[in-house]
Each structure stands twice: as C-alpha cells, then as structure tokens.
Amino acid sequence: MAKDDKKAVIVKKGSAGGFYFLTFIGAAVHFVGNVDGFWNIILALLKAAVWPAFLIHKVFEILNI
C-alpha cells in the first residue's frame, strides 16, 4: 500500500471578538448613562449592540455608495 504524504495546514486567524466586546461595553455605558426607565435601558442595550451597522451606513452615505 502506498502511504499518503499529504499534510493538513491549519491557519489560526485572530478574531475581533474581544475588541467588539469592549466597544459594546463602552457604547452600553454611554447609551445607558443617558436614559431612565427599564424599557429605555433595554433599548439602549440594543442600540449598543447594533451601533457599528449605523456607523457603516453613515460612512456609505457620506461616500455616496
């Protein structure tokens, strides 16, 4: 029997998960600090989770893309 000499190459790539988590915490502190009431806090946490999408949308508007 012939031996197969193929080797697998594993490439580990870093993720931006930690950076995104820190930006989420910062945005949550910012948005929650400006509101009062339970439902407004929930809305502020949701805004903190999706603010990067609004940022990219605004950049695309400025660049007319």
N, C-alpha and C. Protein backbone atom coordinates (compact mmCIF):
# COMPACT_ATOMS: atom_id res chain seq x y z
N MET A 1 0.82 -1.18 0.00
CA MET A 1 0.00 0.00 0.00
C MET A 1 0.87 1.25 0.00
N ALA A 2 0.44 2.21 -0.75
CA ALA A 2 1.17 3.47 -0.81
C ALA A 2 0.77 4.36 0.35
N LYS A 3 1.75 5.03 0.92
CA LYS A 3 1.48 5.92 2.05
C LYS A 3 1.15 7.31 1.51
N ASP A 4 0.10 7.90 2.03
CA ASP A 4 -0.33 9.24 1.60
C ASP A 4 0.46 10.27 2.41
N ASP A 5 1.26 11.09 1.75
CA ASP A 5 2.11 12.07 2.43
C ASP A 5 1.49 13.47 2.48
N LYS A 6 0.20 13.57 2.34
CA LYS A 6 -0.46 14.87 2.40
C LYS A 6 -0.52 15.33 3.85
N LYS A 7 -0.24 16.60 4.05
CA LYS A 7 -0.28 17.18 5.38
C LYS A 7 -1.32 18.28 5.42
N ALA A 8 -2.02 18.35 6.50
CA ALA A 8 -3.01 19.40 6.68
C ALA A 8 -2.32 20.64 7.25
N VAL A 9 -2.68 21.78 6.73
CA VAL A 9 -2.14 23.04 7.21
C VAL A 9 -3.27 23.76 7.93
N ILE A 10 -3.03 24.07 9.18
CA ILE A 10 -4.03 24.76 9.99
C ILE A 10 -3.56 26.19 10.20
N VAL A 11 -4.39 27.12 9.79
CA VAL A 11 -4.07 28.53 9.93
C VAL A 11 -5.02 29.12 10.95
N LYS A 12 -4.45 29.66 12.01
CA LYS A 12 -5.29 30.31 13.02
C LYS A 12 -5.29 31.80 12.75
N LYS A 13 -6.46 32.34 12.66
CA LYS A 13 -6.60 33.77 12.45
C LYS A 13 -7.18 34.38 13.71
N GLY A 14 -6.71 35.55 14.06
CA GLY A 14 -7.24 36.25 15.22
C GLY A 14 -8.63 36.78 14.92
N SER A 15 -9.40 36.90 15.94
CA SER A 15 -10.74 37.44 15.74
C SER A 15 -10.85 38.79 16.42
N ALA A 16 -11.84 39.54 16.03
CA ALA A 16 -12.07 40.86 16.59
C ALA A 16 -13.13 40.80 17.68
N GLY A 17 -13.42 39.61 18.18
CA GLY A 17 -14.47 39.46 19.18
C GLY A 17 -14.20 40.24 20.46
N GLY A 18 -12.98 40.21 20.92
CA GLY A 18 -12.64 40.94 22.14
C GLY A 18 -12.77 42.45 21.95
N PHE A 19 -12.33 42.93 20.80
CA PHE A 19 -12.45 44.35 20.50
C PHE A 19 -13.91 44.76 20.40
N TYR A 20 -14.72 43.94 19.73
CA TYR A 20 -16.14 44.26 19.61
C TYR A 20 -16.82 44.26 20.98
N PHE A 21 -16.41 43.32 21.84
CA PHE A 21 -17.00 43.26 23.19
C PHE A 21 -16.68 44.54 23.96
N LEU A 22 -15.44 45.02 23.87
CA LEU A 22 -15.07 46.25 24.57
C LEU A 22 -15.83 47.45 24.02
N THR A 23 -16.01 47.50 22.71
CA THR A 23 -16.78 48.61 22.15
C THR A 23 -18.25 48.52 22.54
N PHE A 24 -18.76 47.28 22.67
CA PHE A 24 -20.14 47.12 23.13
C PHE A 24 -20.30 47.64 24.55
N ILE A 25 -19.35 47.29 25.42
CA ILE A 25 -19.42 47.76 26.81
C ILE A 25 -19.35 49.29 26.86
N GLY A 26 -18.45 49.87 26.09
CA GLY A 26 -18.34 51.33 26.07
C GLY A 26 -19.60 51.99 25.55
N ALA A 27 -20.17 51.44 24.48
CA ALA A 27 -21.41 52.01 23.93
C ALA A 27 -22.57 51.82 24.90
N ALA A 28 -22.61 50.67 25.57
CA ALA A 28 -23.68 50.42 26.54
C ALA A 28 -23.61 51.42 27.69
N VAL A 29 -22.41 51.67 28.18
CA VAL A 29 -22.25 52.65 29.26
C VAL A 29 -22.69 54.03 28.79
N HIS A 30 -22.32 54.38 27.57
CA HIS A 30 -22.71 55.68 27.02
C HIS A 30 -24.22 55.80 26.88
N PHE A 31 -24.85 54.82 26.22
CA PHE A 31 -26.28 54.90 25.97
C PHE A 31 -27.10 54.76 27.25
N VAL A 32 -26.73 53.86 28.14
CA VAL A 32 -27.50 53.66 29.38
C VAL A 32 -27.35 54.86 30.31
N GLY A 33 -26.20 55.52 30.25
CA GLY A 33 -26.00 56.70 31.10
C GLY A 33 -26.89 57.87 30.74
N ASN A 34 -27.47 57.86 29.57
CA ASN A 34 -28.29 58.98 29.11
C ASN A 34 -29.79 58.71 29.18
N VAL A 35 -30.22 57.60 29.77
CA VAL A 35 -31.65 57.27 29.79
C VAL A 35 -32.10 56.95 31.21
N ASP A 36 -33.41 56.90 31.35
CA ASP A 36 -34.00 56.44 32.61
C ASP A 36 -35.20 55.56 32.26
N GLY A 37 -35.52 54.64 33.13
CA GLY A 37 -36.63 53.73 32.88
C GLY A 37 -36.15 52.41 32.31
N PHE A 38 -36.87 51.34 32.66
CA PHE A 38 -36.46 50.00 32.30
C PHE A 38 -36.42 49.78 30.79
N TRP A 39 -37.49 50.14 30.08
CA TRP A 39 -37.54 49.87 28.64
C TRP A 39 -36.56 50.72 27.86
N ASN A 40 -36.28 51.91 28.36
CA ASN A 40 -35.26 52.74 27.72
C ASN A 40 -33.87 52.14 27.88
N ILE A 41 -33.62 51.49 29.01
CA ILE A 41 -32.34 50.81 29.21
C ILE A 41 -32.23 49.63 28.26
N ILE A 42 -33.30 48.87 28.09
CA ILE A 42 -33.29 47.76 27.14
C ILE A 42 -33.02 48.28 25.73
N LEU A 43 -33.68 49.36 25.35
CA LEU A 43 -33.45 49.95 24.03
C LEU A 43 -32.00 50.44 23.90
N ALA A 44 -31.45 51.01 24.95
CA ALA A 44 -30.06 51.47 24.92
C ALA A 44 -29.09 50.30 24.72
N LEU A 45 -29.37 49.16 25.34
CA LEU A 45 -28.51 47.99 25.16
C LEU A 45 -28.61 47.45 23.73
N LEU A 46 -29.80 47.50 23.16
CA LEU A 46 -29.96 47.09 21.76
C LEU A 46 -29.22 48.04 20.82
N LYS A 47 -29.27 49.33 21.12
CA LYS A 47 -28.53 50.30 20.31
C LYS A 47 -27.03 50.05 20.41
N ALA A 48 -26.57 49.69 21.61
CA ALA A 48 -25.15 49.42 21.81
C ALA A 48 -24.71 48.20 21.00
N ALA A 49 -25.62 47.25 20.80
CA ALA A 49 -25.28 46.04 20.05
C ALA A 49 -25.21 46.29 18.54
N VAL A 50 -25.97 47.26 18.03
CA VAL A 50 -26.04 47.44 16.58
C VAL A 50 -25.43 48.76 16.09
N TRP A 51 -24.77 49.51 16.96
CA TRP A 51 -24.23 50.80 16.52
C TRP A 51 -23.21 50.67 15.39
N PRO A 52 -22.42 49.58 15.28
CA PRO A 52 -21.50 49.51 14.14
C PRO A 52 -22.22 49.51 12.79
N ALA A 53 -23.39 48.92 12.73
CA ALA A 53 -24.16 48.92 11.48
C ALA A 53 -24.57 50.34 11.10
N PHE A 54 -24.98 51.13 12.07
CA PHE A 54 -25.35 52.51 11.79
C PHE A 54 -24.13 53.33 11.38
N LEU A 55 -22.98 53.05 11.97
CA LEU A 55 -21.75 53.74 11.61
C LEU A 55 -21.38 53.46 10.16
N ILE A 56 -21.41 52.22 9.75
CA ILE A 56 -21.08 51.86 8.37
C ILE A 56 -22.09 52.47 7.40
N HIS A 57 -23.36 52.46 7.79
CA HIS A 57 -24.40 53.06 6.93
C HIS A 57 -24.11 54.55 6.73
N LYS A 58 -23.74 55.24 7.80
CA LYS A 58 -23.44 56.67 7.70
C LYS A 58 -22.21 56.92 6.84
N VAL A 59 -21.19 56.07 6.98
CA VAL A 59 -19.99 56.21 6.14
C VAL A 59 -20.35 56.02 4.68
N PHE A 60 -21.19 55.03 4.36
CA PHE A 60 -21.61 54.80 2.98
C PHE A 60 -22.41 56.00 2.45
N GLU A 61 -23.22 56.61 3.30
CA GLU A 61 -23.95 57.81 2.87
C GLU A 61 -23.00 58.95 2.52
N ILE A 62 -21.99 59.14 3.36
CA ILE A 62 -21.03 60.21 3.13
C ILE A 62 -20.25 59.97 1.85
N LEU A 63 -19.89 58.71 1.60
CA LEU A 63 -19.13 58.37 0.39
C LEU A 63 -19.99 58.19 -0.85
N ASN A 64 -21.30 58.35 -0.70
CA ASN A 64 -22.25 58.18 -1.79
C ASN A 64 -22.16 56.79 -2.44
N ILE A 65 -22.09 55.79 -1.61
CA ILE A 65 -22.02 54.41 -2.09
C ILE A 65 -23.40 53.79 -2.01
